[in-house]
Amino acid sequence: MAAANLGVLYARRGMLTQAVELWRPAFDNNPQLSDLGVNLANGLCAAGDAAAARQVLQRVLKHNPDLGTARALMSGETLAHCPRR
């Protein structure tokens, strides 16, 4: 998926706002793409939006309840350490 891949390139260059802008609609249209959802959640967390990151991870786990990455992000302290906006 082109938008997801371009978002990864943006994120690697530190352009998180642009990455999230690509990932959000891509994930809304393809919530079964767990890796995309995890990327979006990480981007939202880095941008200081822990609540939105948590919602995305809940959607990821709805479609893929055994995904260890999403479970770790939800159960660990990762979201608690998102910077504040």
N, C-alpha and C. Protein backbone atom coordinates (compact mmCIF):
# COMPACT_ATOMS: atom_id res chain seq x y z
N MET A 1 0.85 -1.17 0.00
CA MET A 1 0.00 0.00 0.00
C MET A 1 0.89 1.23 0.00
N ALA A 2 0.74 2.05 -1.01
CA ALA A 2 1.64 3.18 -1.23
C ALA A 2 1.63 4.19 -0.09
N ALA A 3 0.45 4.54 0.42
CA ALA A 3 0.36 5.53 1.49
C ALA A 3 1.08 5.05 2.75
N ALA A 4 0.91 3.78 3.07
CA ALA A 4 1.57 3.22 4.26
C ALA A 4 3.08 3.26 4.10
N ASN A 5 3.56 2.89 2.93
CA ASN A 5 5.01 2.89 2.69
C ASN A 5 5.59 4.30 2.69
N LEU A 6 4.88 5.24 2.08
CA LEU A 6 5.35 6.62 2.10
C LEU A 6 5.36 7.16 3.53
N GLY A 7 4.35 6.77 4.31
CA GLY A 7 4.31 7.17 5.72
C GLY A 7 5.53 6.68 6.48
N VAL A 8 5.97 5.47 6.20
CA VAL A 8 7.16 4.93 6.85
C VAL A 8 8.38 5.77 6.48
N LEU A 9 8.49 6.14 5.22
CA LEU A 9 9.62 6.98 4.80
C LEU A 9 9.58 8.33 5.51
N TYR A 10 8.38 8.92 5.60
CA TYR A 10 8.25 10.19 6.32
C TYR A 10 8.68 10.03 7.78
N ALA A 11 8.20 8.97 8.42
CA ALA A 11 8.53 8.76 9.83
C ALA A 11 10.03 8.59 10.03
N ARG A 12 10.68 7.88 9.13
CA ARG A 12 12.13 7.68 9.24
C ARG A 12 12.89 8.99 9.11
N ARG A 13 12.28 9.94 8.43
CA ARG A 13 12.92 11.25 8.26
C ARG A 13 12.48 12.25 9.33
N GLY A 14 11.72 11.76 10.30
CA GLY A 14 11.27 12.62 11.39
C GLY A 14 10.06 13.46 11.06
N MET A 15 9.39 13.14 9.97
CA MET A 15 8.22 13.91 9.53
C MET A 15 6.95 13.18 9.99
N LEU A 16 6.75 13.14 11.33
CA LEU A 16 5.66 12.36 11.89
C LEU A 16 4.28 12.90 11.54
N THR A 17 4.14 14.20 11.48
CA THR A 17 2.84 14.77 11.14
C THR A 17 2.40 14.29 9.77
N GLN A 18 3.30 14.33 8.81
CA GLN A 18 2.98 13.87 7.46
C GLN A 18 2.71 12.37 7.44
N ALA A 19 3.47 11.61 8.21
CA ALA A 19 3.26 10.17 8.27
C ALA A 19 1.88 9.85 8.82
N VAL A 20 1.51 10.48 9.92
CA VAL A 20 0.20 10.24 10.53
C VAL A 20 -0.92 10.64 9.58
N GLU A 21 -0.72 11.74 8.85
CA GLU A 21 -1.74 12.18 7.89
C GLU A 21 -1.97 11.15 6.79
N LEU A 22 -0.95 10.39 6.44
CA LEU A 22 -1.11 9.32 5.45
C LEU A 22 -1.65 8.05 6.09
N TRP A 23 -1.14 7.71 7.26
CA TRP A 23 -1.53 6.46 7.90
C TRP A 23 -2.98 6.45 8.36
N ARG A 24 -3.47 7.59 8.87
CA ARG A 24 -4.81 7.60 9.47
C ARG A 24 -5.89 7.18 8.46
N PRO A 25 -5.99 7.83 7.30
CA PRO A 25 -7.03 7.38 6.36
C PRO A 25 -6.77 5.99 5.80
N ALA A 26 -5.49 5.64 5.63
CA ALA A 26 -5.17 4.30 5.13
C ALA A 26 -5.65 3.24 6.13
N PHE A 27 -5.45 3.49 7.42
CA PHE A 27 -5.89 2.54 8.43
C PHE A 27 -7.41 2.54 8.57
N ASP A 28 -8.02 3.71 8.46
CA ASP A 28 -9.49 3.77 8.52
C ASP A 28 -10.12 2.91 7.43
N ASN A 29 -9.49 2.89 6.27
CA ASN A 29 -10.01 2.10 5.14
C ASN A 29 -9.57 0.64 5.17
N ASN A 30 -8.52 0.34 5.95
CA ASN A 30 -7.96 -1.02 6.00
C ASN A 30 -7.61 -1.41 7.44
N PRO A 31 -8.58 -1.46 8.34
CA PRO A 31 -8.26 -1.72 9.75
C PRO A 31 -7.70 -3.12 10.00
N GLN A 32 -7.77 -3.98 9.02
CA GLN A 32 -7.20 -5.32 9.18
C GLN A 32 -5.68 -5.32 9.00
N LEU A 33 -5.12 -4.21 8.53
CA LEU A 33 -3.66 -4.11 8.35
C LEU A 33 -3.02 -3.72 9.68
N SER A 34 -2.68 -4.72 10.46
CA SER A 34 -2.20 -4.51 11.82
C SER A 34 -0.92 -3.69 11.89
N ASP A 35 0.02 -3.96 11.01
CA ASP A 35 1.28 -3.20 11.03
C ASP A 35 1.03 -1.72 10.78
N LEU A 36 0.12 -1.43 9.90
CA LEU A 36 -0.25 -0.04 9.63
C LEU A 36 -0.82 0.60 10.88
N GLY A 37 -1.69 -0.11 11.57
CA GLY A 37 -2.28 0.40 12.81
C GLY A 37 -1.24 0.64 13.89
N VAL A 38 -0.29 -0.28 14.02
CA VAL A 38 0.77 -0.11 15.01
C VAL A 38 1.63 1.10 14.65
N ASN A 39 1.95 1.27 13.38
CA ASN A 39 2.71 2.46 12.96
C ASN A 39 1.94 3.73 13.30
N LEU A 40 0.65 3.74 13.00
CA LEU A 40 -0.18 4.91 13.30
C LEU A 40 -0.19 5.17 14.80
N ALA A 41 -0.37 4.14 15.60
CA ALA A 41 -0.39 4.32 17.06
C ALA A 41 0.93 4.87 17.56
N ASN A 42 2.04 4.36 17.05
CA ASN A 42 3.35 4.88 17.46
C ASN A 42 3.51 6.34 17.05
N GLY A 43 3.05 6.69 15.86
CA GLY A 43 3.13 8.07 15.41
C GLY A 43 2.27 8.99 16.25
N LEU A 44 1.07 8.54 16.58
CA LEU A 44 0.18 9.34 17.43
C LEU A 44 0.78 9.53 18.81
N CYS A 45 1.36 8.47 19.35
CA CYS A 45 2.01 8.56 20.65
C CYS A 45 3.16 9.57 20.61
N ALA A 46 3.99 9.47 19.60
CA ALA A 46 5.12 10.39 19.47
C ALA A 46 4.66 11.83 19.32
N ALA A 47 3.46 12.01 18.73
CA ALA A 47 2.90 13.35 18.57
C ALA A 47 2.18 13.82 19.83
N GLY A 48 2.12 12.96 20.85
CA GLY A 48 1.51 13.35 22.12
C GLY A 48 0.05 13.03 22.27
N ASP A 49 -0.50 12.21 21.39
CA ASP A 49 -1.92 11.88 21.45
C ASP A 49 -2.11 10.43 21.90
N ALA A 50 -1.88 10.20 23.18
CA ALA A 50 -1.97 8.85 23.74
C ALA A 50 -3.37 8.28 23.62
N ALA A 51 -4.39 9.11 23.78
CA ALA A 51 -5.78 8.63 23.71
C ALA A 51 -6.08 8.08 22.32
N ALA A 52 -5.68 8.81 21.29
CA ALA A 52 -5.92 8.34 19.92
C ALA A 52 -5.09 7.09 19.63
N ALA A 53 -3.86 7.05 20.15
CA ALA A 53 -3.02 5.87 19.96
C ALA A 53 -3.67 4.64 20.59
N ARG A 54 -4.24 4.81 21.78
CA ARG A 54 -4.91 3.70 22.46
C ARG A 54 -6.11 3.22 21.65
N GLN A 55 -6.88 4.14 21.09
CA GLN A 55 -8.05 3.77 20.27
C GLN A 55 -7.62 2.96 19.05
N VAL A 56 -6.55 3.39 18.41
CA VAL A 56 -6.05 2.67 17.24
C VAL A 56 -5.62 1.26 17.64
N LEU A 57 -4.90 1.15 18.74
CA LEU A 57 -4.45 -0.17 19.18
C LEU A 57 -5.62 -1.08 19.53
N GLN A 58 -6.68 -0.51 20.09
CA GLN A 58 -7.88 -1.31 20.37
C GLN A 58 -8.48 -1.85 19.07
N ARG A 59 -8.48 -1.02 18.03
CA ARG A 59 -8.98 -1.47 16.73
C ARG A 59 -8.08 -2.55 16.14
N VAL A 60 -6.78 -2.38 16.29
CA VAL A 60 -5.83 -3.40 15.80
C VAL A 60 -6.12 -4.73 16.48
N LEU A 61 -6.28 -4.69 17.80
CA LEU A 61 -6.50 -5.93 18.55
C LEU A 61 -7.86 -6.55 18.26
N LYS A 62 -8.81 -5.74 17.86
CA LYS A 62 -10.12 -6.28 17.47
C LYS A 62 -9.97 -7.17 16.25
N HIS A 63 -9.12 -6.76 15.31
CA HIS A 63 -8.92 -7.52 14.08
C HIS A 63 -7.85 -8.60 14.22
N ASN A 64 -6.92 -8.39 15.14
CA ASN A 64 -5.81 -9.33 15.31
C ASN A 64 -5.49 -9.45 16.81
N PRO A 65 -6.34 -10.16 17.57
CA PRO A 65 -6.21 -10.19 19.02
C PRO A 65 -4.91 -10.80 19.54
N ASP A 66 -4.21 -11.54 18.72
CA ASP A 66 -2.98 -12.18 19.18
C ASP A 66 -1.71 -11.42 18.80
N LEU A 67 -1.85 -10.23 18.26
CA LEU A 67 -0.68 -9.47 17.83
C LEU A 67 0.11 -8.98 19.04
N GLY A 68 1.26 -9.57 19.23
CA GLY A 68 2.08 -9.26 20.40
C GLY A 68 2.52 -7.81 20.48
N THR A 69 2.85 -7.21 19.35
CA THR A 69 3.31 -5.82 19.34
C THR A 69 2.24 -4.90 19.90
N ALA A 70 1.02 -5.05 19.42
CA ALA A 70 -0.08 -4.19 19.88
C ALA A 70 -0.38 -4.46 21.35
N ARG A 71 -0.36 -5.73 21.74
CA ARG A 71 -0.61 -6.07 23.15
C ARG A 71 0.46 -5.45 24.05
N ALA A 72 1.70 -5.51 23.62
CA ALA A 72 2.79 -4.94 24.42
C ALA A 72 2.63 -3.44 24.56
N LEU A 73 2.26 -2.77 23.49
CA LEU A 73 2.07 -1.32 23.56
C LEU A 73 0.91 -0.96 24.49
N MET A 74 -0.16 -1.75 24.44
CA MET A 74 -1.33 -1.48 25.27
C MET A 74 -1.08 -1.81 26.74
N SER A 75 -0.41 -2.91 27.02
CA SER A 75 -0.28 -3.35 28.40
C SER A 75 0.94 -2.75 29.10
N GLY A 76 1.91 -2.35 28.32
CA GLY A 76 3.12 -1.79 28.91
C GLY A 76 2.93 -0.32 29.24
N GLU A 77 4.04 0.30 29.55
CA GLU A 77 4.00 1.70 29.92
C GLU A 77 4.26 2.61 28.73
N THR A 78 4.31 2.06 27.55
CA THR A 78 4.63 2.85 26.36
C THR A 78 3.69 4.03 26.21
N LEU A 79 2.40 3.78 26.25
CA LEU A 79 1.44 4.87 26.07
C LEU A 79 1.49 5.87 27.22
N ALA A 80 1.84 5.40 28.40
CA ALA A 80 1.95 6.31 29.55
C ALA A 80 3.10 7.29 29.36
N HIS A 81 4.05 6.94 28.51
CA HIS A 81 5.22 7.80 28.30
C HIS A 81 5.13 8.62 27.02
N CYS A 82 3.97 8.65 26.40
CA CYS A 82 3.81 9.52 25.23
C CYS A 82 4.00 10.96 25.69
N PRO A 83 4.69 11.77 24.92
CA PRO A 83 4.85 13.17 25.32
C PRO A 83 3.49 13.86 25.36
N ARG A 84 3.37 14.84 26.20
CA ARG A 84 2.12 15.60 26.31
C ARG A 84 2.09 16.68 25.25
N ARG A 85 0.90 16.90 24.73
CA ARG A 85 0.76 17.97 23.74
C ARG A 85 0.72 19.30 24.41
